[in-house]
């Protein structure tokens, strides 16, 4: 079966893995997924991700028994792109979460995009 929105699939798999308290989650390997995982690693929301034969293996961060990340929200979708100017970027959950934005300089967190005065497509929010 062909998957249309691989980013939504990535977020759903991560959410399901966290809900089931898994230490590792297997996700499809795409350039976009690798970039999203790179940003999550930079923001210390995942431990690491590695390439495996079946795709990408993501190690999830837990603080004791509680996950560091509990919610993933897809904002822009293939059918409805959502764009945001740098002046309109606001902190997610008063700074406890991040927004991932696709800018002309690549994918980055909302805080990084705002500091570089870059707007772009608002891919997702994670907290």
N, C-alpha and C. Protein backbone atom coordinates (compact mmCIF):
# COMPACT_ATOMS: atom_id res chain seq x y z
N UNK A 1 0.84 -1.18 0.00
CA UNK A 1 0.00 0.00 0.00
C UNK A 1 0.89 1.24 0.00
N UNK A 2 0.58 2.20 -0.86
CA UNK A 2 1.36 3.42 -0.94
C UNK A 2 0.95 4.39 0.16
N UNK A 3 1.95 4.93 0.82
CA UNK A 3 1.72 5.88 1.91
C UNK A 3 1.86 7.29 1.33
N UNK A 4 0.89 8.16 1.56
CA UNK A 4 0.93 9.51 1.02
C UNK A 4 1.64 10.50 1.94
N UNK A 5 1.46 10.38 3.23
CA UNK A 5 2.03 11.34 4.17
C UNK A 5 2.98 10.61 5.12
N UNK A 6 4.23 10.49 4.70
CA UNK A 6 5.22 9.76 5.50
C UNK A 6 5.60 10.51 6.77
N UNK A 7 5.45 11.83 6.78
CA UNK A 7 5.74 12.60 7.99
C UNK A 7 4.69 12.30 9.05
N UNK A 8 3.42 12.26 8.67
CA UNK A 8 2.37 11.91 9.63
C UNK A 8 2.57 10.49 10.14
N UNK A 9 3.03 9.59 9.27
CA UNK A 9 3.31 8.22 9.67
C UNK A 9 4.44 8.19 10.70
N UNK A 10 5.50 8.97 10.47
CA UNK A 10 6.60 9.07 11.44
C UNK A 10 6.09 9.52 12.80
N UNK A 11 5.31 10.59 12.82
CA UNK A 11 4.79 11.12 14.08
C UNK A 11 3.88 10.12 14.78
N UNK A 12 3.05 9.42 14.01
CA UNK A 12 2.14 8.42 14.59
C UNK A 12 2.93 7.26 15.19
N UNK A 13 3.96 6.81 14.49
CA UNK A 13 4.77 5.70 15.01
C UNK A 13 5.51 6.10 16.29
N UNK A 14 6.03 7.32 16.31
CA UNK A 14 6.70 7.79 17.53
C UNK A 14 5.71 7.90 18.68
N UNK A 15 4.52 8.44 18.40
CA UNK A 15 3.48 8.57 19.44
C UNK A 15 3.07 7.19 19.96
N UNK A 16 2.86 6.24 19.07
CA UNK A 16 2.47 4.89 19.48
C UNK A 16 3.58 4.21 20.28
N UNK A 17 4.83 4.41 19.87
CA UNK A 17 5.95 3.83 20.61
C UNK A 17 6.05 4.39 22.01
N UNK A 18 5.83 5.69 22.15
CA UNK A 18 5.87 6.33 23.47
C UNK A 18 4.70 5.86 24.32
N UNK A 19 3.51 5.77 23.72
CA UNK A 19 2.34 5.30 24.47
C UNK A 19 2.54 3.87 24.99
N UNK A 20 3.30 3.06 24.26
CA UNK A 20 3.56 1.68 24.66
C UNK A 20 4.86 1.54 25.46
N UNK A 21 5.51 2.69 25.76
CA UNK A 21 6.74 2.73 26.55
C UNK A 21 7.89 1.93 25.91
N UNK A 22 7.96 1.98 24.58
CA UNK A 22 9.04 1.29 23.88
C UNK A 22 10.31 2.13 23.95
N UNK A 23 11.46 1.46 23.96
CA UNK A 23 12.74 2.18 23.97
C UNK A 23 13.18 2.53 22.56
N UNK A 24 12.78 1.72 21.58
CA UNK A 24 13.12 1.96 20.18
C UNK A 24 11.88 1.82 19.31
N UNK A 25 11.84 2.64 18.27
CA UNK A 25 10.73 2.61 17.32
C UNK A 25 11.33 2.56 15.92
N UNK A 26 10.75 1.74 15.05
CA UNK A 26 11.20 1.63 13.67
C UNK A 26 10.31 2.51 12.79
N UNK A 27 10.93 3.39 12.00
CA UNK A 27 10.18 4.30 11.13
C UNK A 27 10.73 4.20 9.70
N UNK A 28 9.93 4.60 8.70
CA UNK A 28 10.40 4.56 7.31
C UNK A 28 11.56 5.54 7.10
N UNK A 29 12.48 5.17 6.22
CA UNK A 29 13.62 6.04 5.92
C UNK A 29 13.29 6.92 4.72
N UNK A 30 13.17 8.22 4.98
CA UNK A 30 13.03 9.22 3.93
C UNK A 30 13.92 10.40 4.30
N UNK A 31 14.21 11.25 3.35
CA UNK A 31 15.04 12.43 3.64
C UNK A 31 14.35 13.33 4.67
N UNK A 32 13.04 13.51 4.51
CA UNK A 32 12.29 14.37 5.43
C UNK A 32 12.31 13.78 6.84
N UNK A 33 12.07 12.48 6.97
CA UNK A 33 12.09 11.84 8.29
C UNK A 33 13.46 11.97 8.94
N UNK A 34 14.53 11.81 8.15
CA UNK A 34 15.88 11.94 8.70
C UNK A 34 16.13 13.36 9.19
N UNK A 35 15.63 14.34 8.47
CA UNK A 35 15.81 15.74 8.89
C UNK A 35 15.00 16.05 10.15
N UNK A 36 13.78 15.55 10.23
CA UNK A 36 12.96 15.75 11.43
C UNK A 36 13.64 15.11 12.63
N UNK A 37 14.16 13.90 12.46
CA UNK A 37 14.85 13.21 13.55
C UNK A 37 16.14 13.94 13.93
N UNK A 38 16.82 14.54 12.96
CA UNK A 38 18.02 15.33 13.26
C UNK A 38 17.68 16.50 14.17
N UNK A 39 16.59 17.20 13.86
CA UNK A 39 16.16 18.33 14.69
C UNK A 39 15.76 17.84 16.09
N UNK A 40 15.04 16.72 16.17
CA UNK A 40 14.64 16.17 17.47
C UNK A 40 15.86 15.79 18.29
N UNK A 41 16.88 15.26 17.64
CA UNK A 41 18.11 14.90 18.35
C UNK A 41 18.83 16.16 18.84
N UNK A 42 18.92 17.19 18.00
CA UNK A 42 19.55 18.45 18.41
C UNK A 42 18.83 19.06 19.61
N UNK A 43 17.51 18.91 19.65
CA UNK A 43 16.72 19.47 20.75
C UNK A 43 16.62 18.50 21.94
N UNK A 44 17.33 17.37 21.86
CA UNK A 44 17.39 16.36 22.92
C UNK A 44 16.02 15.77 23.24
N UNK A 45 15.19 15.62 22.21
CA UNK A 45 13.88 14.99 22.39
C UNK A 45 13.91 13.51 22.04
N UNK A 46 14.98 13.08 21.36
CA UNK A 46 15.26 11.65 21.17
C UNK A 46 16.74 11.45 21.49
N UNK A 47 17.12 10.20 21.81
CA UNK A 47 18.52 9.93 22.10
C UNK A 47 19.32 9.92 20.81
N UNK A 48 18.87 9.11 19.85
CA UNK A 48 19.59 8.98 18.59
C UNK A 48 18.71 8.22 17.59
N UNK A 49 19.13 8.22 16.34
CA UNK A 49 18.48 7.40 15.32
C UNK A 49 19.58 6.78 14.47
N UNK A 50 19.35 5.55 14.05
CA UNK A 50 20.34 4.85 13.24
C UNK A 50 19.64 4.19 12.05
N UNK A 51 20.40 4.05 10.97
CA UNK A 51 19.88 3.37 9.78
C UNK A 51 19.95 1.87 10.01
N UNK A 52 18.86 1.20 9.75
CA UNK A 52 18.82 -0.26 9.78
C UNK A 52 18.24 -0.71 8.45
N UNK A 53 18.27 -2.01 8.21
CA UNK A 53 17.81 -2.54 6.93
C UNK A 53 16.36 -2.18 6.63
N UNK A 54 15.52 -2.17 7.67
CA UNK A 54 14.08 -1.93 7.48
C UNK A 54 13.71 -0.45 7.45
N UNK A 55 14.64 0.46 7.77
CA UNK A 55 14.33 1.89 7.80
C UNK A 55 15.24 2.60 8.78
N UNK A 56 14.63 3.30 9.75
CA UNK A 56 15.38 4.02 10.77
C UNK A 56 14.92 3.55 12.15
N UNK A 57 15.88 3.31 13.02
CA UNK A 57 15.57 2.92 14.40
C UNK A 57 15.77 4.15 15.27
N UNK A 58 14.74 4.56 16.01
CA UNK A 58 14.77 5.76 16.83
C UNK A 58 14.77 5.36 18.30
N UNK A 59 15.76 5.88 19.06
CA UNK A 59 15.83 5.63 20.50
C UNK A 59 15.12 6.78 21.21
N UNK A 60 14.13 6.45 22.02
CA UNK A 60 13.29 7.45 22.68
C UNK A 60 13.87 7.81 24.05
N UNK A 61 13.78 9.10 24.42
CA UNK A 61 14.29 9.59 25.70
C UNK A 61 13.20 9.46 26.77
N UNK A 62 13.58 8.90 27.91
CA UNK A 62 12.69 8.81 29.06
C UNK A 62 13.36 9.47 30.25
N UNK A 63 12.57 10.15 31.06
CA UNK A 63 13.04 10.73 32.32
C UNK A 63 12.48 9.82 33.42
N UNK A 64 13.27 8.84 33.82
CA UNK A 64 12.75 7.81 34.71
C UNK A 64 11.84 6.92 33.90
N UNK A 65 10.56 6.90 34.26
CA UNK A 65 9.59 6.10 33.50
C UNK A 65 8.74 6.96 32.57
N UNK A 66 8.86 8.27 32.69
CA UNK A 66 8.04 9.17 31.88
C UNK A 66 8.79 9.63 30.63
N UNK A 67 8.13 9.63 29.47
CA UNK A 67 8.79 10.10 28.25
C UNK A 67 8.99 11.61 28.27
N UNK A 68 10.08 12.07 27.65
CA UNK A 68 10.35 13.51 27.57
C UNK A 68 9.35 14.19 26.62
N UNK A 69 8.89 13.45 25.62
CA UNK A 69 7.94 13.98 24.64
C UNK A 69 6.65 13.17 24.76
N UNK A 70 5.51 13.87 24.78
CA UNK A 70 4.25 13.15 24.91
C UNK A 70 3.28 13.39 23.76
N UNK A 71 3.46 14.47 23.00
CA UNK A 71 2.50 14.78 21.93
C UNK A 71 3.22 15.20 20.65
N UNK A 72 2.67 14.73 19.54
CA UNK A 72 3.15 15.09 18.21
C UNK A 72 1.94 15.57 17.42
N UNK A 73 2.02 16.77 16.84
CA UNK A 73 0.88 17.29 16.08
C UNK A 73 1.35 17.71 14.69
N UNK A 74 0.80 17.09 13.68
CA UNK A 74 1.10 17.44 12.29
C UNK A 74 0.31 18.70 11.98
N UNK A 75 0.99 19.75 11.50
CA UNK A 75 0.30 21.01 11.20
C UNK A 75 0.07 21.13 9.70
N UNK A 76 1.13 21.17 8.93
CA UNK A 76 1.03 21.26 7.48
C UNK A 76 0.91 19.86 6.91
N UNK A 77 0.03 19.68 5.95
CA UNK A 77 -0.15 18.36 5.34
C UNK A 77 -0.05 18.50 3.82
N UNK A 78 0.07 17.39 3.11
CA UNK A 78 0.16 17.49 1.64
C UNK A 78 -1.03 18.21 1.02
N UNK A 79 -2.21 18.09 1.62
CA UNK A 79 -3.41 18.72 1.07
C UNK A 79 -3.61 20.16 1.51
N UNK A 80 -2.94 20.55 2.60
CA UNK A 80 -3.09 21.92 3.10
C UNK A 80 -1.78 22.36 3.74
N UNK A 81 -1.00 23.08 2.97
CA UNK A 81 0.28 23.58 3.46
C UNK A 81 0.04 24.80 4.34
N UNK A 82 0.74 24.87 5.46
CA UNK A 82 0.63 26.00 6.38
C UNK A 82 1.99 26.69 6.44
N UNK A 83 2.03 27.96 6.09
CA UNK A 83 3.28 28.73 6.10
C UNK A 83 3.21 29.76 7.21
N UNK A 84 4.39 30.10 7.75
CA UNK A 84 4.45 31.03 8.86
C UNK A 84 5.64 31.96 8.66
N UNK A 85 5.43 33.26 8.93
CA UNK A 85 6.51 34.23 8.85
C UNK A 85 7.32 34.18 10.15
N UNK A 86 8.56 34.61 10.09
CA UNK A 86 9.42 34.54 11.28
C UNK A 86 8.85 35.35 12.44
N UNK A 87 8.20 36.46 12.15
CA UNK A 87 7.64 37.29 13.23
C UNK A 87 6.44 36.63 13.90
N UNK A 88 5.84 35.65 13.24
CA UNK A 88 4.66 34.97 13.80
C UNK A 88 5.00 33.67 14.53
N UNK A 89 6.28 33.30 14.59
CA UNK A 89 6.68 32.07 15.27
C UNK A 89 6.63 32.30 16.78
N UNK A 90 5.84 31.49 17.47
CA UNK A 90 5.72 31.61 18.92
C UNK A 90 6.18 30.31 19.58
N UNK A 91 6.59 30.39 20.85
CA UNK A 91 7.01 29.16 21.55
C UNK A 91 5.84 28.18 21.69
N UNK A 92 6.15 26.89 21.60
CA UNK A 92 5.14 25.84 21.77
C UNK A 92 5.05 25.53 23.25
N UNK A 93 3.86 25.62 23.82
CA UNK A 93 3.61 25.32 25.22
C UNK A 93 4.57 26.09 26.13
N UNK A 94 4.66 27.39 25.91
CA UNK A 94 5.52 28.28 26.71
C UNK A 94 6.97 27.81 26.75
N UNK A 95 7.47 27.30 25.63
CA UNK A 95 8.86 26.90 25.54
C UNK A 95 9.15 25.46 25.92
N UNK A 96 8.13 24.70 26.32
CA UNK A 96 8.35 23.29 26.70
C UNK A 96 8.32 22.36 25.50
N UNK A 97 7.94 22.87 24.34
CA UNK A 97 7.90 22.07 23.12
C UNK A 97 8.61 22.80 22.00
N UNK A 98 8.59 22.20 20.82
CA UNK A 98 9.22 22.83 19.66
C UNK A 98 8.29 22.75 18.46
N UNK A 99 8.50 23.68 17.54
CA UNK A 99 7.87 23.62 16.23
C UNK A 99 8.99 23.26 15.25
N UNK A 100 8.69 22.46 14.26
CA UNK A 100 9.67 22.14 13.22
C UNK A 100 9.22 22.83 11.95
N UNK A 101 10.12 23.65 11.40
CA UNK A 101 9.79 24.49 10.25
C UNK A 101 10.75 24.18 9.11
N UNK A 102 10.19 24.05 7.92
CA UNK A 102 10.99 23.85 6.71
C UNK A 102 11.28 25.22 6.12
N UNK A 103 12.53 25.65 6.19
CA UNK A 103 12.93 26.97 5.70
C UNK A 103 13.79 26.81 4.45
N UNK A 104 14.20 27.93 3.90
CA UNK A 104 15.09 27.90 2.74
C UNK A 104 16.47 27.37 3.12
N UNK A 105 16.80 27.35 4.40
CA UNK A 105 18.09 26.81 4.89
C UNK A 105 17.94 25.39 5.43
N UNK A 106 16.81 24.74 5.19
CA UNK A 106 16.58 23.38 5.67
C UNK A 106 15.63 23.35 6.84
N UNK A 107 15.41 22.14 7.38
CA UNK A 107 14.52 21.99 8.53
C UNK A 107 15.22 22.47 9.79
N UNK A 108 14.48 23.16 10.65
CA UNK A 108 15.03 23.62 11.93
C UNK A 108 13.91 23.86 12.91
N UNK A 109 14.29 24.02 14.17
CA UNK A 109 13.29 24.29 15.21
C UNK A 109 12.76 25.71 15.02
N UNK A 110 11.60 25.97 15.60
CA UNK A 110 11.00 27.30 15.50
C UNK A 110 11.88 28.37 16.11
N UNK A 111 12.52 28.07 17.24
CA UNK A 111 13.39 29.05 17.91
C UNK A 111 14.58 29.40 17.02
N UNK A 112 15.17 28.40 16.37
CA UNK A 112 16.31 28.63 15.49
C UNK A 112 15.87 29.45 14.28
N UNK A 113 14.71 29.13 13.70
CA UNK A 113 14.21 29.88 12.54
C UNK A 113 13.93 31.33 12.92
N UNK A 114 13.34 31.54 14.09
CA UNK A 114 13.03 32.90 14.54
C UNK A 114 14.32 33.70 14.75
N UNK A 115 15.34 33.07 15.35
CA UNK A 115 16.60 33.77 15.60
C UNK A 115 17.32 34.13 14.30
N UNK A 116 17.13 33.31 13.26
CA UNK A 116 17.74 33.60 11.97
C UNK A 116 16.81 34.40 11.05
N UNK A 117 15.65 34.79 11.60
CA UNK A 117 14.64 35.57 10.86
C UNK A 117 14.21 34.86 9.57
N UNK A 118 13.91 33.55 9.71
CA UNK A 118 13.47 32.74 8.58
C UNK A 118 12.06 32.23 8.84
N UNK A 119 11.21 32.35 7.86
CA UNK A 119 9.89 31.74 7.92
C UNK A 119 9.88 30.51 7.03
N UNK A 120 8.74 29.85 6.96
CA UNK A 120 8.65 28.68 6.10
C UNK A 120 7.42 27.87 6.40
N UNK A 121 7.45 26.62 5.96
CA UNK A 121 6.32 25.72 6.16
C UNK A 121 6.38 25.12 7.56
N UNK A 122 5.30 25.26 8.31
CA UNK A 122 5.22 24.72 9.67
C UNK A 122 4.85 23.24 9.57
N UNK A 123 5.85 22.37 9.72
CA UNK A 123 5.65 20.93 9.53
C UNK A 123 4.86 20.33 10.70
N UNK A 124 5.35 20.53 11.92
CA UNK A 124 4.69 19.91 13.08
C UNK A 124 5.08 20.63 14.36
N UNK A 125 4.32 20.32 15.41
CA UNK A 125 4.62 20.80 16.76
C UNK A 125 4.77 19.59 17.66
N UNK A 126 5.77 19.64 18.54
CA UNK A 126 6.07 18.51 19.41
C UNK A 126 6.26 19.03 20.83
N UNK A 127 5.59 18.38 21.79
CA UNK A 127 5.76 18.76 23.20
C UNK A 127 5.61 17.57 24.10
